[in-house]
Protein backbone atom coordinates (compact mmCIF):
# COMPACT_ATOMS: atom_id res chain seq x y z
CA MET A 1 0.09 -0.18 0.10
CA ALA A 2 1.41 3.55 -1.19
CA HIS A 3 1.83 5.78 2.33
CA GLU A 4 0.95 9.28 1.94
CA VAL A 5 2.98 9.95 5.13
CA ASN A 6 6.45 8.60 4.73
CA THR A 7 8.51 11.23 6.77
CA LYS A 8 8.61 12.30 10.62
CA GLN A 9 8.31 15.81 9.51
CA GLU A 10 4.96 14.86 7.39
CA LEU A 11 3.90 12.50 10.22
CA GLU A 12 4.16 15.70 12.92
CA TRP A 13 1.95 18.11 10.64
CA PHE A 14 -0.49 15.40 10.08
CA PHE A 15 -0.94 14.60 13.49
CA CYS A 16 -1.07 18.23 14.36
CA HIS A 17 -3.76 19.26 11.34
CA HIS A 18 -5.43 15.92 11.64
CA TRP A 19 -5.72 16.05 15.72
CA ASN A 20 -9.77 15.40 15.49
CA ASP A 21 -9.74 12.96 13.32
CA ILE A 22 -7.34 10.99 14.78
CA ASN A 23 -8.35 11.27 18.23
CA GLN A 24 -12.10 10.22 16.91
CA TRP A 25 -10.65 6.96 15.61
CA ILE A 26 -8.78 5.93 18.92
CA ASP A 27 -12.11 6.88 20.75
CA ASN A 28 -14.31 4.72 18.34
CA GLU A 29 -11.90 1.81 18.88
CA GLN A 30 -11.60 2.56 22.89
CA SER A 31 -15.26 2.46 23.28
CA LYS A 32 -15.23 -1.15 22.49
CA LEU A 33 -12.96 -2.67 24.91
CA PRO A 34 -12.31 -2.47 28.71
CA GLN A 35 -10.32 1.16 29.84
CA PRO A 36 -7.16 0.92 31.98
CA LEU A 37 -8.47 3.42 34.44
CA THR A 38 -4.71 4.80 34.80
CA SER A 39 -1.67 4.47 32.53
CA SER A 40 1.38 5.66 31.60
CA VAL A 41 3.77 5.77 28.54
CA ASP A 42 7.17 6.05 27.73
CA VAL A 43 7.92 7.75 24.46
CA ARG A 44 11.09 7.95 22.75
CA GLU A 45 11.59 10.57 19.58
CA SER A 46 14.75 9.83 17.35
CA LYS A 47 15.58 11.78 14.37
CA THR A 48 13.31 9.39 12.32
CA LYS A 49 10.49 8.18 14.06
CA TYR A 50 8.56 8.10 17.55
CA ALA A 51 7.88 5.15 19.62
CA PRO A 52 6.36 3.94 22.57
CA VAL A 53 8.82 1.93 24.60
CA ASP A 54 6.80 0.92 28.16
CA HIS A 55 3.39 0.94 29.12
CA ASN A 56 2.62 0.86 32.57
CA MET A 57 -1.21 0.36 34.03
CA TYR A 58 -0.25 1.43 37.37
CA PRO A 59 1.59 4.56 37.17
CA ALA A 60 3.32 6.16 40.21
CA GLY A 61 4.47 10.04 39.52
CA PHE A 62 1.28 11.82 39.86
CA ASN A 63 3.56 14.24 41.80
CA ASN A 64 5.48 14.83 38.43
CA LEU A 65 2.62 16.32 36.16
CA CYS A 66 2.11 20.14 35.64
CA SER A 67 -0.85 21.46 38.09
CA LYS A 68 -2.76 22.55 34.74
CA ASP A 69 -3.07 18.94 33.84
CA LEU A 70 -3.95 18.04 37.55
CA LEU A 71 -6.64 20.08 37.63
CA HIS A 72 -8.36 18.34 34.42
CA CYS A 73 -7.49 14.39 35.77
CA GLY A 74 -10.32 14.80 38.27
CA ASP A 75 -12.88 15.36 35.36
CA HIS A 76 -11.25 12.21 33.55
CA PHE A 77 -11.98 10.14 36.98
CA ARG A 78 -15.54 11.44 37.02
CA ALA A 79 -16.20 10.69 33.43
CA ARG A 80 -14.93 6.98 33.89
CA PHE A 81 -16.64 6.88 37.43
CA ASP A 82 -19.96 7.61 35.89
CA GLN A 83 -19.24 4.86 33.45
CA VAL A 84 -18.86 2.37 36.14
CA THR A 85 -21.93 3.22 38.10
CA GLU A 86 -24.10 6.22 39.22
CA ASN A 87 -23.30 8.52 41.79
CA ILE A 88 -20.10 7.34 42.88
CA LYS A 89 -19.08 9.22 46.20
CA ARG A 90 -16.50 7.14 48.35
CA VAL A 91 -13.20 5.90 46.64
CA GLY A 92 -10.33 3.71 48.03
CA ILE A 93 -6.97 3.70 47.00
CA LEU A 94 -4.73 0.66 47.11
CA PRO A 95 -1.74 1.56 46.96
CA GLU A 96 2.02 -0.07 46.72
CA SER A 97 3.77 -1.18 50.02
CA HIS A 98 6.98 0.35 49.99
CA THR A 99 5.62 3.47 51.63
CA LYS A 100 9.27 4.48 52.86
CA ASN A 101 9.74 5.99 49.42
CA ARG A 102 8.98 9.45 50.17
CA TYR A 103 8.69 10.11 46.78
CA TYR A 104 6.15 7.44 46.24
CA LEU A 105 3.84 9.18 49.14
CA ASP A 106 4.01 12.74 46.89
CA HIS A 107 2.41 10.55 44.05
CA LEU A 108 -0.24 9.09 46.32
CA HIS A 109 -1.30 12.91 47.68
CA TYR A 110 -1.76 14.17 44.19
CA LEU A 111 -3.49 10.81 42.98
CA LYS A 112 -5.76 10.70 46.20
CA SER A 113 -6.00 14.87 45.20
CA SER A 114 -6.93 14.15 41.48
CA ILE A 115 -9.56 11.84 42.43
CA GLU A 116 -11.12 14.20 45.35
CA MET A 117 -11.62 16.93 42.19
CA ALA A 118 -13.82 14.38 40.94
CA GLU A 119 -16.25 15.12 43.76
CA THR A 120 -15.36 12.07 45.66
CA GLU A 121 -14.06 11.41 49.34
CA VAL A 122 -11.17 8.97 49.03
CA ILE A 123 -9.47 6.53 51.81
CA ILE A 124 -6.11 4.65 51.40
CA PHE A 125 -5.97 1.57 52.09
CA SER A 126 -4.17 -1.77 52.12
CA PRO A 127 -4.80 -5.15 53.35
CA ASP A 128 -0.64 -5.80 53.18
CA GLU A 129 -0.10 -7.09 57.11
CA ASN A 130 3.56 -5.97 56.22
CA LEU A 131 2.88 -2.32 55.65
CA PHE A 132 1.75 -2.25 59.26
CA ALA A 133 3.98 -4.84 61.19
CA GLU A 134 6.42 -2.21 62.52
CA SER A 135 3.79 0.17 63.70
CA GLY A 136 1.73 -2.32 65.05
CA LYS A 137 -1.33 -0.32 64.41
CA ASN A 138 -4.15 -0.44 62.15
CA CYS A 139 -3.33 3.08 60.81
CA VAL A 140 -0.05 4.42 59.46
CA GLU A 141 0.64 8.01 59.55
CA LEU A 142 3.19 9.37 56.95
CA GLU A 143 4.73 12.21 55.70
CA SER A 144 5.73 12.69 52.02
CA PHE A 145 8.93 14.03 50.97
CA SER A 146 7.08 17.46 50.21
CA GLY A 147 5.32 17.14 53.36
CA HIS A 148 1.97 15.76 52.79
CA LYS A 149 0.64 13.97 55.71
CA LEU A 150 -1.05 10.70 54.28
CA SER A 151 -3.06 8.35 56.77
CA ILE A 152 -3.28 4.47 55.20
CA TYR A 153 -5.80 2.18 56.74
CA LYS A 154 -5.25 -1.66 57.37
CA ALA A 155 -7.99 -3.48 55.88
CA MET A 156 -9.15 -7.19 55.69
CA VAL A 157 -12.07 -9.06 53.55
CA GLN A 158 -14.99 -9.54 54.84
CA ASP A 159 -18.26 -10.78 52.83
CA GLY A 160 -16.16 -9.68 49.71
CA MET A 161 -15.86 -6.23 50.54
CA PHE A 162 -12.96 -4.71 52.20
CA VAL A 163 -13.58 -3.12 55.58
CA SER A 164 -11.44 -1.29 58.11
CA VAL A 165 -9.54 -3.51 60.59
CA ASP A 166 -10.44 -0.47 63.09
CA SER A 167 -14.09 -0.50 63.59
CA SER A 168 -14.48 3.40 64.07
CA THR A 169 -13.21 3.67 60.15
CA LYS A 170 -15.77 2.89 57.75
CA PHE A 171 -14.87 2.09 54.01
CA ASP A 172 -18.26 1.51 52.30
CA PHE A 173 -16.53 2.21 49.08
CA ASP A 174 -18.12 2.43 45.68
CA ILE A 175 -15.24 1.71 43.65
CA ILE A 176 -11.64 0.92 44.29
CA VAL A 177 -8.55 2.35 42.53
CA LEU A 178 -5.62 0.08 42.40
CA ASN A 179 -2.22 1.25 42.51
CA ASN A 180 -0.07 -1.67 43.17
CA ASP A 181 1.32 -3.00 40.01
CA GLN A 182 1.33 -6.79 41.47
CA SER A 183 4.73 -7.46 40.46
CA VAL A 184 3.90 -10.62 42.99
CA PRO A 185 0.23 -10.32 43.52
CA LEU A 186 -1.73 -9.42 47.03
CA ASN A 187 -3.04 -12.34 49.02
CA VAL A 188 -6.49 -11.44 47.79
CA ASN A 189 -9.53 -13.59 46.30
CA TRP A 190 -10.05 -10.87 43.89
CA LYS A 191 -12.80 -12.87 42.57
CA GLU A 192 -14.82 -12.49 45.88
CA ILE A 193 -14.38 -8.79 46.02
CA LYS A 194 -17.88 -7.15 44.97
CA THR A 195 -16.59 -3.78 44.76
CA PRO A 196 -15.45 -2.79 41.25
CA VAL A 197 -11.44 -2.15 40.92
CA HIS A 198 -9.71 -0.33 38.43
CA PRO A 199 -7.11 -0.87 36.77
CA SER A 200 -8.34 -4.74 36.93
CA PRO A 201 -6.27 -6.64 39.10
CA GLN A 202 -6.22 -9.42 36.69
CA VAL A 203 -3.16 -7.35 34.49
CA GLY A 204 -0.48 -7.20 37.12
CA TRP A 205 2.91 -7.74 36.15
CA PHE A 206 2.41 -11.59 37.74
CA ARG A 207 0.45 -11.92 34.74
CA ARG A 208 1.14 -9.18 32.19
CA GLN A 209 4.37 -9.24 29.79
CA LYS A 210 6.08 -6.46 27.83
CA ILE A 211 6.14 -8.86 25.21
CA HIS A 212 2.23 -9.12 24.74
CA HIS A 213 1.78 -5.37 24.86
CA PHE A 214 4.07 -4.67 22.04
CA GLN A 215 2.62 -7.70 19.67
CA LYS A 216 -0.67 -5.96 20.44
CA TYR A 217 0.82 -2.18 19.83
CA ARG A 218 2.23 -3.50 16.32
CA GLU A 219 -1.17 -4.79 15.56
CA THR A 220 -3.02 -1.54 16.89
CA ALA A 221 -0.32 0.65 15.24
CA ASN A 222 -0.35 -0.95 11.77
CA ARG A 223 -4.44 -0.77 11.46
CA PHE A 224 -4.52 2.78 12.66
CA CYS A 225 -1.76 3.61 9.97
CA GLU A 226 -3.25 1.65 7.13
CA PHE A 227 -6.56 3.73 7.80
CA PHE A 228 -4.48 7.04 7.56
CA LYS A 229 -1.86 5.61 5.08
CA ILE A 230 1.02 6.07 7.31
CA ASN A 231 3.92 4.28 6.99
CA PRO A 232 3.80 2.26 10.13
CA ASP A 233 7.91 2.28 10.91
CA LEU A 234 7.51 5.95 11.89
CA VAL A 235 5.65 5.30 15.31
CA GLN A 236 6.92 1.97 16.44
CA ALA A 237 10.28 0.52 17.22
CA HIS A 238 11.10 -2.98 16.08
CA PHE A 239 11.36 -5.74 18.70
CA SER A 240 11.66 -9.58 19.17
CA SER A 241 11.72 -11.81 22.24
CA VAL A 242 13.18 -14.78 23.82
CA GLU A 243 11.47 -17.28 26.45
CA ASN A 244 13.07 -19.72 29.02
CA VAL A 245 16.32 -17.03 29.70
CA ASP A 246 17.84 -17.75 33.14
CA PHE A 247 20.57 -15.04 33.90
CA ASN A 248 21.82 -16.52 37.10
CA THR A 249 22.38 -20.07 35.31
CA LYS A 250 23.34 -18.54 32.19
CA GLU A 251 20.59 -21.13 30.57
CA GLY A 252 19.69 -19.46 27.27
CA LEU A 253 21.80 -16.73 26.78
CA ASP A 254 23.37 -18.12 23.61
CA SER A 255 20.02 -18.18 22.01
CA LEU A 256 19.32 -14.24 23.50
CA GLY A 257 22.40 -13.49 22.13
CA SER A 258 21.89 -14.73 18.74
CA GLU A 259 18.20 -13.00 18.67
CA VAL A 260 20.16 -9.89 19.41
CA ASP A 261 22.19 -10.19 16.53
CA LYS A 262 19.13 -10.83 14.31
CA LEU A 263 17.57 -8.07 15.32
CA LEU A 264 20.48 -5.90 14.75
CA ALA A 265 21.00 -7.20 11.38
CA GLU A 266 17.56 -5.25 10.59
CA LEU A 267 18.41 -1.87 11.86
CA PRO A 268 20.79 0.38 10.69
CA GLU A 269 24.56 0.24 11.40
CA GLY A 270 25.46 1.75 14.74
CA SER A 271 22.25 0.76 16.16
CA SER A 272 21.59 -0.82 19.92
CA VAL A 273 18.91 -2.64 21.31
CA PHE A 274 17.51 -2.82 25.01
CA VAL A 275 17.36 -6.11 26.15
CA LYS A 276 14.31 -6.14 28.52
CA ALA A 277 12.58 -8.58 31.35
CA SER A 278 9.23 -8.86 29.95
CA GLN A 279 7.58 -8.12 33.66
CA GLY A 280 10.15 -5.21 34.67
CA THR A 281 9.15 -2.27 36.16
CA TYR A 282 10.38 0.69 37.53
CA GLY A 283 13.13 0.64 34.54
CA MET A 284 14.39 -2.66 36.49
CA GLY A 285 15.85 -5.56 34.33
CA ILE A 286 17.04 -3.46 31.43
CA SER A 287 20.29 -3.75 29.33
CA VAL A 288 21.54 -1.61 26.40
CA VAL A 289 23.81 -3.83 23.71
CA SER A 290 25.30 -3.34 20.51
CA LYS A 291 25.82 -7.08 19.43
CA GLY A 292 24.77 -10.53 21.00
CA GLU A 293 28.54 -11.21 22.47
CA GLU A 294 27.51 -8.66 25.10
CA ILE A 295 24.99 -10.82 26.35
CA VAL A 296 26.85 -14.05 26.64
CA ALA A 297 29.86 -11.92 28.33
CA MET A 298 27.65 -10.15 30.98
CA ASN A 299 29.25 -10.33 34.11
CA ARG A 300 27.83 -11.22 37.35
CA LYS A 301 26.53 -7.99 38.79
CA ILE A 302 24.85 -6.84 35.32
CA ARG A 303 23.30 -10.90 35.13
CA ASN A 304 21.63 -10.24 38.71
CA LYS A 305 20.20 -7.17 37.81
CA MET A 306 18.51 -8.86 34.82
CA ASP A 307 17.60 -11.92 36.74
CA VAL A 308 15.14 -10.32 39.64
CA GLY A 309 13.16 -7.58 39.62
CA LYS A 310 10.72 -5.66 42.24
CA ASN A 311 9.66 -8.02 45.35
CA ASN A 312 12.68 -10.52 43.96
CA LEU A 313 10.09 -11.77 40.60
CA LYS A 314 12.16 -14.05 38.76
CA PHE A 315 12.43 -12.77 34.88
CA THR A 316 12.71 -15.69 32.18
CA SER A 317 10.91 -13.96 29.13
CA VAL A 318 12.82 -11.33 27.61
CA LEU A 319 11.93 -8.68 25.00
CA ILE A 320 14.57 -7.73 22.82
CA GLN A 321 13.84 -4.22 21.68
CA GLU A 322 15.05 -1.51 18.97
CA GLY A 323 17.46 1.21 20.48
CA ILE A 324 15.40 4.47 20.07
CA GLU A 325 18.41 7.16 20.24
CA THR A 326 16.63 10.17 21.46
CA ILE A 327 17.26 13.32 20.14
CA VAL A 328 15.17 15.33 23.12
CA LYS A 329 17.30 17.10 25.18
CA TYR A 330 16.70 19.03 28.64
CA ASP A 331 19.71 21.39 29.89
CA GLU A 332 21.86 19.74 27.43
CA ALA A 333 20.62 16.07 29.02
CA PRO A 334 19.14 12.69 27.19
CA ALA A 335 15.34 12.82 27.80
CA GLU A 336 12.36 11.13 26.95
CA VAL A 337 8.71 12.03 27.53
CA THR A 338 6.17 9.83 29.55
CA ILE A 339 2.27 10.80 29.11
CA TYR A 340 -0.06 10.13 31.53
CA LEU A 341 -3.67 8.99 30.63
CA ILE A 342 -7.03 8.56 32.48
CA ASN A 343 -9.24 6.30 30.88
CA GLY A 344 -7.64 6.17 27.63
CA LYS A 345 -7.29 10.17 27.35
CA SER A 346 -4.07 12.06 27.34
CA SER A 347 -4.01 13.69 30.71
CA GLY A 348 -0.69 14.91 31.83
CA GLY A 349 3.07 14.13 31.35
CA PHE A 350 6.67 15.07 32.10
CA ILE A 351 9.96 14.90 30.96
CA ARG A 352 12.43 12.63 31.99
CA THR A 353 15.96 13.27 31.96
CA ASN A 354 19.47 11.88 33.27
CA PRO A 355 22.46 13.91 32.76
CA LEU A 356 24.48 10.62 33.87
CA LYS A 357 23.48 8.87 30.63
CA GLY A 358 23.71 8.76 26.83
CA THR A 359 21.13 9.08 24.49
CA GLN A 360 20.77 5.73 23.89
CA ALA A 361 20.85 4.45 27.65
CA ASN A 362 18.11 3.21 29.90
CA LEU A 363 16.86 7.00 31.18
CA ASN A 364 14.80 5.83 33.77
CA SER A 365 17.99 5.10 36.09
CA GLN A 366 19.93 6.36 38.63
CA GLY A 367 20.79 10.09 38.25
CA MET A 368 16.96 10.53 36.45
CA ILE A 369 15.39 14.08 36.93
CA TYR A 370 11.80 15.30 35.88
CA GLN A 371 10.54 18.32 34.43
CA LYS A 372 6.60 18.68 34.17
CA LEU A 373 4.94 18.82 30.49
CA CYS A 374 1.38 20.48 30.10
CA LEU A 375 -0.70 18.73 27.11
CA SER A 376 -4.05 21.24 28.44
CA ASP A 377 -3.55 23.18 25.52
CA VAL A 378 -3.17 20.46 22.60
CA LYS A 379 -5.73 20.91 19.89
CA GLN A 380 -6.37 21.10 16.04
CA ASP A 381 -4.16 23.20 14.29
CA CYS A 382 -1.51 23.08 17.53
CA ASP A 383 1.47 24.23 15.68
CA HIS A 384 3.03 25.51 19.41
CA THR A 385 2.76 22.38 20.89
CA ILE A 386 3.19 19.86 17.94
CA LYS A 387 5.38 17.75 19.79
CA GLU A 388 2.96 16.96 22.62
CA ALA A 389 0.32 16.41 19.84
CA VAL A 390 2.74 13.19 18.58
CA TYR A 391 3.16 11.94 22.20
CA SER A 392 -0.31 12.50 22.78
CA VAL A 393 -1.45 10.20 19.92
CA ILE A 394 1.43 7.62 20.64
CA ALA A 395 0.45 7.18 24.44
CA ARG A 396 -3.12 6.94 23.54
CA LEU A 397 -2.31 3.95 20.90
CA SER A 398 -0.22 2.25 23.18
CA THR A 399 -3.12 2.31 25.94
CA LEU A 400 -5.52 1.38 23.10
CA ALA A 401 -3.05 -1.74 22.56
CA ALA A 402 -3.32 -2.52 26.64
CA ALA A 403 -7.11 -2.46 26.46
CA TYR A 404 -6.70 -5.28 23.85
CA GLU A 405 -4.12 -7.13 26.21
CA THR A 406 -6.70 -6.48 29.19
CA GLN A 407 -9.60 -7.81 27.13
CA GLU A 408 -7.38 -11.12 26.72
CA LEU A 409 -6.22 -11.59 30.20
CA LEU A 410 -9.72 -11.10 31.67
CA GLU A 411 -11.28 -13.61 29.28
CA LEU A 412 -8.38 -16.01 30.62
CA LYS A 413 -9.14 -15.65 34.33
């Protein structure tokens, strides 16, 4: 098929000047599927293309969004809540258990505030016994990095409902917002929980795979590009995968190295690839290599980093992804863009920059700095924010792919 949009410059112009048509197409596709309540998408921009390089359904950086975008997040939460059931008033947030990370507590504060702007009362709770073990109390009082005070209430399941262990506190949740990625699943029989839970607890990283996501993204992007006559290489990274890899025993490393070389042969000379644990989060389980023999020659320290991730989750499936060399810079440091979405709508974002890394490196690592990026003003014929328009569309396509993932995982539960 002949493409009408063949270069990155043509893509930027097309996205900007066909903004309404493009978003209508995505809206129509999303209306057929179960949408993740929350999402974040890392987008890389090179000299020749834009591509999503990661997608998360349980984002942990609402504190990095600009205040103008945060004001609109409440509207997006309200719109989704109204789709779930009428007159939602009480919302429970079930967070991660690493509450000693005070930056994560900043995130929780802003997530809670955004949901409260949807005219709701919000309580943060957890059934994780370990979170309360040190204090021995049924409610822990915490302070975020920026000084915000948070209370997290201990919960148990009773008759299919989360209830407070402290009888003086009532939950009575109309909906639960899950902000725990479940790298290791929570000790909850979700099938017996009667309260709606979003995003679905069935799509945590104990079941989800990056490999599956990018397969769905490729299918989604190809259909989108066929409809709008766009060269699909402009909006995606090439990738491959390998199963049954054990970085500890070195089993499967030869096969992984061969697959790395196979993918590199399809890319321009001088390219590199990201080797990613298929279930890795928080930038864990990632190495950047420029030839397969670097995999076989990995030292013990690097193999340990690739072997297990958050909550000691063992990595055995590996995604090999074209390294998109970023041309984005902030204060002369390499950078990439992360877009946050609520109910599949682009709702804010930030620039992740890392002065300790190079343009082909994993920037989601030690040394990273966040800069706010506002999306509220992006609209049709938006020449002054053309880049933001492209990032928004790429992120929405990635989240549409995640909706197809969710549909499959829910059918298999």
